[in-house]
Amino acid sequence: ERQGMCVRPQQCADESLLYWPPDGRCYYRLTQGPCYPGTILDLGGDGLAYCTCLPDSPHYWEVDGSCYAHYSRGPCERGQLFLPGARCGCEPQLPQYHNDTSGCYELDSLGPCAKGHVFGITEVSGNGSRAECKCKNFHARAPDGACYRLYTRGPCGQDEMISRGGRCVKVPCGRGRLYVPERRRCYRPGAAEPCRVGEHLAFDFDARPALDGLSHNGVCVCENQHCARKEVIVSS
């Protein structure tokens, strides 16, 4: 017999975010979030988040019977976005407009950019916002113009890694040690010393070896759920 217990949903940073109990994260409302493709996250009458797609929704695309977030690529061709009114298009006044390609691309995606970049807002003025290609978070632009994840080899030589400013520096740690930039020291995985109480040092699992290469960066992670930190996932 399965038993359950009642819990109070956690509060997210603001009302545009919804808490998703299965993974303990907050996602923006009316985006795909943690839902299956073709559905979007919304708030139910019981005050809980759920995945939905109804034919009378302004996010409904009749062609395939799916729902998509506005200003995401959705079912549209490259260079177009799914716009209010359930249509695909691209308009020069949108912040997602890219001058060089005359196309529109989803914010915080690769868009029309090169490796290691993200298409994001870089300018906010009285005339509106504008997005451009910029280095992804925790990446640095190297002399070859591409952006690489910090503390991976990137375009550097053997036994070197790319550091802030896009410079190639010698890997400071021996085999079996991880580098902690804040301390400028090396520690063994599992060590507690550079971390807060309830945390230990681990490999940077946000780095993808197949794409980024081996990461020498050490990060502090929780040993149990009691020190887990809330995350906001920007998803479309």
Protein backbone atom coordinates (compact mmCIF):
# COMPACT_ATOMS: atom_id res chain seq x y z
CA GLU A 1 0.00 0.00 0.00
CA ARG A 2 1.36 3.38 -1.01
CA GLN A 3 1.27 6.16 1.55
CA GLY A 4 1.57 9.88 0.98
CA MET A 5 1.80 13.06 2.96
CA CYS A 6 0.56 16.60 2.44
CA VAL A 7 3.19 19.27 1.87
CA ARG A 8 2.93 22.99 1.21
CA PRO A 9 4.27 24.08 -2.21
CA GLN A 10 7.38 26.23 -1.95
CA GLN A 11 7.27 29.86 -3.01
CA CYS A 12 9.23 31.03 -6.05
CA ALA A 13 10.92 34.40 -6.48
CA ASP A 14 7.89 36.10 -8.07
CA GLU A 15 4.43 35.40 -9.47
CA SER A 16 5.72 34.75 -12.99
CA LEU A 17 7.36 31.56 -11.69
CA LEU A 18 5.67 28.29 -10.77
CA TYR A 19 7.02 25.65 -8.40
CA TRP A 20 7.27 22.10 -9.80
CA PRO A 21 7.32 19.57 -6.91
CA PRO A 22 8.78 16.57 -8.82
CA ASP A 23 12.17 18.28 -9.20
CA GLY A 24 11.87 21.10 -6.64
CA ARG A 25 12.53 23.81 -9.22
CA CYS A 26 10.80 26.98 -10.36
CA TYR A 27 9.88 27.54 -14.01
CA TYR A 28 8.36 30.46 -15.86
CA ARG A 29 4.62 30.21 -16.37
CA LEU A 30 3.33 29.55 -19.91
CA THR A 31 6.63 28.04 -21.06
CA GLN A 32 7.37 24.39 -21.77
CA GLY A 33 9.26 24.18 -18.48
CA PRO A 34 9.36 20.55 -17.28
CA CYS A 35 6.43 19.52 -19.50
CA TYR A 36 6.40 17.23 -22.51
CA PRO A 37 6.91 18.89 -25.92
CA GLY A 38 3.64 20.32 -27.17
CA THR A 39 2.36 21.27 -23.71
CA ILE A 40 2.98 24.31 -21.50
CA LEU A 41 3.13 24.93 -17.77
CA ASP A 42 0.21 26.78 -16.19
CA LEU A 43 -1.45 27.33 -12.82
CA GLY A 44 -4.45 25.17 -11.97
CA GLY A 45 -7.53 26.15 -10.02
CA ASP A 46 -6.05 24.41 -6.98
CA GLY A 47 -3.04 26.72 -7.05
CA LEU A 48 -0.68 24.00 -8.28
CA ALA A 49 1.33 23.93 -11.50
CA TYR A 50 0.34 21.47 -14.21
CA CYS A 51 1.06 20.75 -17.88
CA THR A 52 -1.73 21.53 -20.29
CA CYS A 53 -2.73 22.20 -23.89
CA LEU A 54 -6.32 23.11 -24.74
CA PRO A 55 -7.72 23.99 -28.19
CA ASP A 56 -9.02 27.35 -26.91
CA SER A 57 -5.59 28.36 -25.58
CA PRO A 58 -3.84 31.34 -27.26
CA HIS A 59 -0.78 29.07 -27.37
CA TYR A 60 -2.54 26.38 -29.42
CA TRP A 61 -1.22 25.52 -32.91
CA GLU A 62 -4.00 23.85 -34.85
CA VAL A 63 -1.70 22.31 -37.45
CA ASP A 64 -0.24 19.74 -35.05
CA GLY A 65 -2.57 20.10 -32.05
CA SER A 66 0.23 21.27 -29.75
CA CYS A 67 0.84 24.32 -27.56
CA TYR A 68 3.96 26.47 -27.64
CA ALA A 69 5.29 29.39 -25.62
CA HIS A 70 5.01 32.76 -27.33
CA TYR A 71 8.32 34.05 -28.71
CA SER A 72 9.82 30.55 -28.77
CA ARG A 73 10.67 28.88 -32.07
CA GLY A 74 7.80 26.45 -31.54
CA PRO A 75 6.66 24.88 -34.83
CA CYS A 76 8.18 27.66 -36.95
CA GLU A 77 11.02 27.66 -39.46
CA ARG A 78 14.49 28.84 -38.46
CA GLY A 79 14.55 32.62 -38.16
CA GLN A 80 10.89 32.83 -37.13
CA LEU A 81 9.12 32.78 -33.77
CA PHE A 82 5.73 31.61 -32.55
CA LEU A 83 3.94 34.92 -32.00
CA PRO A 84 0.68 35.90 -30.26
CA GLY A 85 -2.23 35.14 -32.54
CA ALA A 86 -0.88 31.62 -33.14
CA ARG A 87 1.27 32.57 -36.12
CA CYS A 88 4.89 32.24 -37.18
CA GLY A 89 6.72 35.43 -38.05
CA CYS A 90 9.56 37.87 -37.44
CA GLU A 91 9.27 41.62 -36.92
CA PRO A 92 12.21 44.07 -36.87
CA GLN A 93 10.93 45.86 -33.75
CA LEU A 94 11.16 42.69 -31.63
CA PRO A 95 14.12 42.40 -29.23
CA GLN A 96 14.68 38.92 -30.71
CA TYR A 97 15.46 40.41 -34.13
CA HIS A 98 19.00 39.84 -35.45
CA ASN A 99 20.14 42.48 -37.93
CA ASP A 100 22.85 40.46 -39.66
CA THR A 101 20.53 37.59 -40.62
CA SER A 102 17.21 39.52 -40.70
CA GLY A 103 15.74 36.71 -38.60
CA CYS A 104 14.22 36.33 -35.14
CA TYR A 105 15.57 33.86 -32.62
CA GLU A 106 14.53 32.64 -29.21
CA LEU A 107 16.25 34.45 -26.36
CA ASP A 108 18.82 32.53 -24.31
CA SER A 109 19.30 30.00 -27.12
CA LEU A 110 22.19 29.52 -29.53
CA GLY A 111 20.18 31.39 -32.16
CA PRO A 112 22.40 32.60 -35.01
CA CYS A 113 25.52 32.59 -32.82
CA ALA A 114 28.82 30.72 -32.92
CA LYS A 115 29.99 28.00 -30.52
CA GLY A 116 29.91 28.93 -26.85
CA HIS A 117 27.65 31.94 -27.39
CA VAL A 118 24.06 32.64 -26.42
CA PHE A 119 21.59 35.01 -28.05
CA GLY A 120 20.54 37.31 -25.22
CA ILE A 121 19.53 40.85 -24.31
CA THR A 122 22.55 43.17 -24.27
CA GLU A 123 20.91 46.58 -24.63
CA VAL A 124 17.92 48.09 -22.83
CA SER A 125 16.94 51.65 -23.72
CA GLY A 126 13.94 53.90 -24.16
CA ASN A 127 13.72 52.69 -27.74
CA GLY A 128 13.38 49.07 -26.63
CA SER A 129 15.60 46.08 -25.95
CA ARG A 130 18.00 44.43 -28.36
CA ALA A 131 19.59 40.98 -28.30
CA GLU A 132 23.04 40.06 -29.57
CA CYS A 133 25.42 37.11 -29.48
CA LYS A 134 27.43 37.03 -26.25
CA CYS A 135 29.49 34.45 -24.39
CA LYS A 136 27.48 31.99 -22.35
CA ASN A 137 27.63 32.21 -18.59
CA PHE A 138 30.92 30.86 -17.17
CA HIS A 139 32.54 31.06 -20.62
CA ALA A 140 35.32 33.30 -21.93
CA ARG A 141 36.08 34.52 -25.45
CA ALA A 142 39.42 33.26 -26.73
CA PRO A 143 41.60 34.95 -29.37
CA ASP A 144 40.01 32.73 -32.05
CA GLY A 145 36.65 34.48 -31.45
CA ALA A 146 34.87 31.45 -29.99
CA CYS A 147 33.72 31.17 -26.36
CA TYR A 148 34.85 28.27 -24.19
CA ARG A 149 33.83 27.05 -20.76
CA LEU A 150 36.19 28.31 -18.08
CA TYR A 151 38.80 25.91 -16.73
CA THR A 152 38.53 23.50 -19.66
CA ARG A 153 41.25 23.09 -22.28
CA GLY A 154 39.40 25.06 -24.96
CA PRO A 155 41.85 26.14 -27.68
CA CYS A 156 44.83 25.92 -25.31
CA GLY A 157 47.83 23.64 -25.43
CA GLN A 158 48.52 20.39 -23.61
CA ASP A 159 48.27 20.72 -19.79
CA GLU A 160 46.69 24.18 -20.15
CA MET A 161 43.21 25.52 -19.47
CA ILE A 162 41.33 28.66 -20.40
CA SER A 163 40.85 31.19 -17.59
CA ARG A 164 38.99 34.46 -17.18
CA GLY A 165 39.80 36.95 -19.88
CA GLY A 166 40.24 34.13 -22.38
CA ARG A 167 43.88 33.52 -21.39
CA CYS A 168 45.50 30.10 -21.56
CA VAL A 169 47.22 29.19 -18.27
CA LYS A 170 48.94 26.08 -17.00
CA VAL A 171 46.66 23.65 -15.14
CA PRO A 172 47.61 24.27 -11.48
CA CYS A 173 46.43 20.93 -10.10
CA GLY A 174 47.94 17.49 -10.17
CA ARG A 175 46.05 14.37 -11.22
CA GLY A 176 43.05 13.65 -9.00
CA ARG A 177 42.64 17.24 -7.79
CA LEU A 178 40.08 19.96 -8.64
CA TYR A 179 40.71 23.68 -8.90
CA VAL A 180 38.63 26.09 -6.78
CA PRO A 181 38.94 29.56 -8.41
CA GLU A 182 37.70 31.45 -5.33
CA ARG A 183 40.54 30.00 -3.26
CA ARG A 184 43.06 29.67 -6.10
CA ARG A 185 43.91 26.27 -4.66
CA CYS A 186 43.45 22.61 -5.51
CA TYR A 187 41.50 20.08 -3.45
CA ARG A 188 40.60 16.43 -3.74
CA PRO A 189 37.01 15.55 -4.76
CA GLY A 190 34.83 14.98 -1.70
CA ALA A 191 36.75 17.43 0.49
CA ALA A 192 34.69 19.61 2.83
CA GLU A 193 37.21 22.39 3.49
CA PRO A 194 36.43 24.88 0.71
CA CYS A 195 32.65 24.46 1.06
CA ARG A 196 29.91 25.47 3.47
CA VAL A 197 28.58 23.16 6.17
CA GLY A 198 26.63 20.29 4.62
CA GLU A 199 28.45 20.53 1.28
CA HIS A 200 31.46 18.86 -0.30
CA LEU A 201 33.63 19.42 -3.36
CA ALA A 202 32.65 17.64 -6.57
CA PHE A 203 33.27 17.68 -10.30
CA ASP A 204 31.52 20.39 -12.31
CA PHE A 205 28.69 18.33 -13.76
CA ASP A 206 27.41 21.34 -15.73
CA ALA A 207 30.42 20.87 -17.98
CA ARG A 208 29.75 18.41 -20.80
CA PRO A 209 32.98 16.57 -21.66
CA ALA A 210 31.82 15.70 -25.18
CA LEU A 211 31.27 19.39 -25.96
CA ASP A 212 33.34 21.35 -23.46
CA GLY A 213 36.20 18.97 -22.78
CA LEU A 214 37.47 17.92 -19.35
CA SER A 215 36.76 20.52 -16.66
CA HIS A 216 39.26 21.19 -13.87
CA ASN A 217 36.70 23.27 -11.97
CA GLY A 218 35.55 22.08 -8.55
CA VAL A 219 32.09 23.01 -7.25
CA CYS A 220 30.44 22.66 -3.86
CA VAL A 221 27.37 20.42 -3.85
CA CYS A 222 24.86 19.46 -1.17
CA GLU A 223 25.28 16.21 0.69
CA ASN A 224 21.53 16.00 1.29
CA GLN A 225 18.33 17.82 0.43
CA HIS A 226 18.46 20.04 3.52
CA CYS A 227 21.03 22.34 1.93
CA ALA A 228 19.47 22.26 -1.55
CA ARG A 229 19.14 25.68 -3.16
CA LYS A 230 16.15 26.78 -5.19
CA GLU A 231 16.78 27.04 -8.90
CA VAL A 232 15.05 29.15 -11.52
CA ILE A 233 15.03 27.46 -14.89
CA VAL A 234 14.49 29.80 -17.81
CA SER A 235 12.74 27.58 -20.28
CA SER A 236 10.70 28.11 -23.38
